[in-house]
Amino acid sequence: MKLLTILTWLSGLFFIYFGIGCLISDFIISEFIRYGLEKFRVITGILQLLGAAGLLIGLYYDSRILLLSSIGLGVLMIFGFIVRININDNFFKCLPSFSFAVLNLFIAIKTYMIYFKD
């Protein structure tokens, strides 16, 4: 199995989990309140689910969707990382958002190199 496929599935499955959690988890609801961003929780969950679907659909049907979805999730996670830094969360609380930003931006770069570089 190719590295791009493995990483895309990994990210896609995690973002399905995160997206659902963002919509229904009491813990995530309380975290968004702690961030002062409770009005963005539902849209964040929807974007995570759409991004996950885009990763998995794009992997098999249209590399443009894969590229856009991975960039979108990467940017979303950069914003999540910035939020964590701004509220003074410790390194371990910041690590997941940073790691998923790097992962999705890597998927974007790898997708570009495989499908779009001339």
C-alpha atoms as a PDB file:
ATOM      1  CA  MET A   1       0.000   0.000   0.000  1.00  0.00           C
ATOM      2  CA  LYS A   2       1.362   3.427  -0.894  1.00  0.00           C
ATOM      3  CA  LEU A   3       2.330   5.933   1.775  1.00  0.00           C
ATOM      4  CA  LEU A   4      -0.163   8.495   0.426  1.00  0.00           C
ATOM      5  CA  THR A   5      -2.995   5.971   0.705  1.00  0.00           C
ATOM      6  CA  ILE A   6      -2.098   4.998   4.276  1.00  0.00           C
ATOM      7  CA  LEU A   7      -1.743   8.581   5.475  1.00  0.00           C
ATOM      8  CA  THR A   8      -4.933   9.683   3.735  1.00  0.00           C
ATOM      9  CA  TRP A   9      -6.943   6.871   5.311  1.00  0.00           C
ATOM     10  CA  LEU A  10      -5.396   7.616   8.707  1.00  0.00           C
ATOM     11  CA  SER A  11      -6.281  11.297   8.499  1.00  0.00           C
ATOM     12  CA  GLY A  12      -9.714  10.623   7.008  1.00  0.00           C
ATOM     13  CA  LEU A  13     -10.717   8.205   9.764  1.00  0.00           C
ATOM     14  CA  PHE A  14      -9.428  10.476  12.511  1.00  0.00           C
ATOM     15  CA  PHE A  15     -11.325  13.450  11.088  1.00  0.00           C
ATOM     16  CA  ILE A  16     -14.533  11.430  10.886  1.00  0.00           C
ATOM     17  CA  TYR A  17     -14.040  10.722  14.587  1.00  0.00           C
ATOM     18  CA  PHE A  18     -13.117  14.352  15.382  1.00  0.00           C
ATOM     19  CA  GLY A  19     -16.006  15.734  13.313  1.00  0.00           C
ATOM     20  CA  ILE A  20     -18.598  13.555  15.001  1.00  0.00           C
ATOM     21  CA  GLY A  21     -17.071  14.357  18.386  1.00  0.00           C
ATOM     22  CA  CYS A  22     -17.228  18.051  17.615  1.00  0.00           C
ATOM     23  CA  LEU A  23     -20.956  17.739  17.017  1.00  0.00           C
ATOM     24  CA  ILE A  24     -21.979  15.495  19.911  1.00  0.00           C
ATOM     25  CA  SER A  25     -19.236  15.134  22.544  1.00  0.00           C
ATOM     26  CA  ASP A  26     -19.846  16.913  25.850  1.00  0.00           C
ATOM     27  CA  PHE A  27     -16.081  17.141  26.345  1.00  0.00           C
ATOM     28  CA  ILE A  28     -15.535  18.861  22.972  1.00  0.00           C
ATOM     29  CA  ILE A  29     -18.476  21.187  23.633  1.00  0.00           C
ATOM     30  CA  SER A  30     -16.824  22.199  26.923  1.00  0.00           C
ATOM     31  CA  GLU A  31     -13.472  22.648  25.164  1.00  0.00           C
ATOM     32  CA  PHE A  32     -14.961  25.059  22.607  1.00  0.00           C
ATOM     33  CA  ILE A  33     -16.495  27.006  25.504  1.00  0.00           C
ATOM     34  CA  ARG A  34     -13.049  27.073  27.154  1.00  0.00           C
ATOM     35  CA  TYR A  35     -11.553  28.396  23.895  1.00  0.00           C
ATOM     36  CA  GLY A  36     -14.240  31.087  23.726  1.00  0.00           C
ATOM     37  CA  LEU A  37     -15.257  29.745  20.312  1.00  0.00           C
ATOM     38  CA  GLU A  38     -18.509  27.908  21.059  1.00  0.00           C
ATOM     39  CA  LYS A  39     -20.247  29.540  18.072  1.00  0.00           C
ATOM     40  CA  PHE A  40     -17.710  27.854  15.745  1.00  0.00           C
ATOM     41  CA  ARG A  41     -18.043  24.305  17.108  1.00  0.00           C
ATOM     42  CA  VAL A  42     -20.730  23.050  14.717  1.00  0.00           C
ATOM     43  CA  ILE A  43     -19.112  24.543  11.603  1.00  0.00           C
ATOM     44  CA  THR A  44     -15.770  23.098  12.713  1.00  0.00           C
ATOM     45  CA  GLY A  45     -17.315  19.632  13.028  1.00  0.00           C
ATOM     46  CA  ILE A  46     -18.977  19.942   9.631  1.00  0.00           C
ATOM     47  CA  LEU A  47     -15.715  21.094   8.034  1.00  0.00           C
ATOM     48  CA  GLN A  48     -13.893  18.162   9.608  1.00  0.00           C
ATOM     49  CA  LEU A  49     -16.454  15.697   8.255  1.00  0.00           C
ATOM     50  CA  LEU A  50     -16.417  17.306   4.803  1.00  0.00           C
ATOM     51  CA  GLY A  51     -12.620  17.295   4.817  1.00  0.00           C
ATOM     52  CA  ALA A  52     -12.529  13.621   5.794  1.00  0.00           C
ATOM     53  CA  ALA A  53     -15.007  12.737   3.054  1.00  0.00           C
ATOM     54  CA  GLY A  54     -12.993  14.787   0.570  1.00  0.00           C
ATOM     55  CA  LEU A  55      -9.799  12.957   1.499  1.00  0.00           C
ATOM     56  CA  LEU A  56     -11.309   9.528   1.002  1.00  0.00           C
ATOM     57  CA  ILE A  57     -13.320  10.396  -2.112  1.00  0.00           C
ATOM     58  CA  GLY A  58     -10.415  12.314  -3.607  1.00  0.00           C
ATOM     59  CA  LEU A  59      -8.004   9.452  -3.025  1.00  0.00           C
ATOM     60  CA  TYR A  60      -9.957   7.193  -5.365  1.00  0.00           C
ATOM     61  CA  TYR A  61     -11.911   9.468  -7.699  1.00  0.00           C
ATOM     62  CA  ASP A  62     -10.436  12.937  -8.143  1.00  0.00           C
ATOM     63  CA  SER A  63      -7.020  14.050  -6.958  1.00  0.00           C
ATOM     64  CA  ARG A  64      -8.147  17.695  -7.043  1.00  0.00           C
ATOM     65  CA  ILE A  65     -10.611  16.928  -4.240  1.00  0.00           C
ATOM     66  CA  LEU A  66      -7.837  15.191  -2.296  1.00  0.00           C
ATOM     67  CA  LEU A  67      -5.561  18.209  -2.731  1.00  0.00           C
ATOM     68  CA  LEU A  68      -8.206  20.746  -1.677  1.00  0.00           C
ATOM     69  CA  SER A  69      -9.397  18.666   1.274  1.00  0.00           C
ATOM     70  CA  SER A  70      -5.900  18.089   2.622  1.00  0.00           C
ATOM     71  CA  ILE A  71      -5.066  21.795   2.313  1.00  0.00           C
ATOM     72  CA  GLY A  72      -8.358  22.718   4.002  1.00  0.00           C
ATOM     73  CA  LEU A  73      -7.807  20.346   6.918  1.00  0.00           C
ATOM     74  CA  GLY A  74      -4.197  21.494   7.214  1.00  0.00           C
ATOM     75  CA  VAL A  75      -5.283  25.135   7.454  1.00  0.00           C
ATOM     76  CA  LEU A  76      -8.072  24.248   9.898  1.00  0.00           C
ATOM     77  CA  MET A  77      -5.528  22.517  12.130  1.00  0.00           C
ATOM     78  CA  ILE A  78      -3.110  25.448  11.888  1.00  0.00           C
ATOM     79  CA  PHE A  79      -5.908  27.645  13.232  1.00  0.00           C
ATOM     80  CA  GLY A  80      -6.567  25.047  15.945  1.00  0.00           C
ATOM     81  CA  PHE A  81      -2.885  25.120  16.878  1.00  0.00           C
ATOM     82  CA  ILE A  82      -2.914  28.929  17.034  1.00  0.00           C
ATOM     83  CA  VAL A  83      -5.984  28.832  19.297  1.00  0.00           C
ATOM     84  CA  ARG A  84      -4.233  26.382  21.626  1.00  0.00           C
ATOM     85  CA  ILE A  85      -1.126  28.585  21.772  1.00  0.00           C
ATOM     86  CA  ASN A  86      -3.227  31.712  22.424  1.00  0.00           C
ATOM     87  CA  ILE A  87      -5.018  30.138  25.380  1.00  0.00           C
ATOM     88  CA  ASN A  88      -1.665  28.973  26.796  1.00  0.00           C
ATOM     89  CA  ASP A  89      -2.268  25.233  26.517  1.00  0.00           C
ATOM     90  CA  ASN A  90       0.783  23.123  27.227  1.00  0.00           C
ATOM     91  CA  PHE A  91       2.874  21.341  24.592  1.00  0.00           C
ATOM     92  CA  PHE A  92       0.948  18.069  24.814  1.00  0.00           C
ATOM     93  CA  LYS A  93      -2.421  19.763  24.300  1.00  0.00           C
ATOM     94  CA  CYS A  94      -1.029  21.632  21.264  1.00  0.00           C
ATOM     95  CA  LEU A  95       0.633  18.570  19.722  1.00  0.00           C
ATOM     96  CA  PRO A  96      -2.424  16.935  18.081  1.00  0.00           C
ATOM     97  CA  SER A  97      -3.461  20.033  16.123  1.00  0.00           C
ATOM     98  CA  PHE A  98       0.128  20.662  15.046  1.00  0.00           C
ATOM     99  CA  SER A  99       0.621  17.009  14.061  1.00  0.00           C
ATOM    100  CA  PHE A 100      -2.562  16.893  11.997  1.00  0.00           C
ATOM    101  CA  ALA A 101      -1.660  20.188  10.314  1.00  0.00           C
ATOM    102  CA  VAL A 102       1.706  18.720   9.302  1.00  0.00           C
ATOM    103  CA  LEU A 103       0.127  15.419   8.235  1.00  0.00           C
ATOM    104  CA  ASN A 104      -2.480  17.048   6.015  1.00  0.00           C
ATOM    105  CA  LEU A 105      -0.056  19.519   4.499  1.00  0.00           C
ATOM    106  CA  PHE A 106       2.250  16.569   3.763  1.00  0.00           C
ATOM    107  CA  ILE A 107      -0.667  14.803   2.058  1.00  0.00           C
ATOM    108  CA  ALA A 108      -1.258  17.973   0.016  1.00  0.00           C
ATOM    109  CA  ILE A 109       2.395  18.224  -1.033  1.00  0.00           C
ATOM    110  CA  LYS A 110       2.590  14.512  -1.861  1.00  0.00           C
ATOM    111  CA  THR A 111      -0.661  14.740  -3.868  1.00  0.00           C
ATOM    112  CA  TYR A 112       0.647  17.752  -5.774  1.00  0.00           C
ATOM    113  CA  MET A 113       3.954  16.014  -6.530  1.00  0.00           C
ATOM    114  CA  ILE A 114       2.264  12.830  -7.758  1.00  0.00           C
ATOM    115  CA  TYR A 115      -0.676  14.240  -9.718  1.00  0.00           C
ATOM    116  CA  PHE A 116       0.000  17.856 -10.629  1.00  0.00           C
ATOM    117  CA  LYS A 117       3.722  18.407 -11.059  1.00  0.00           C
ATOM    118  CA  ASP A 118       4.621  18.439 -14.728  1.00  0.00           C
END
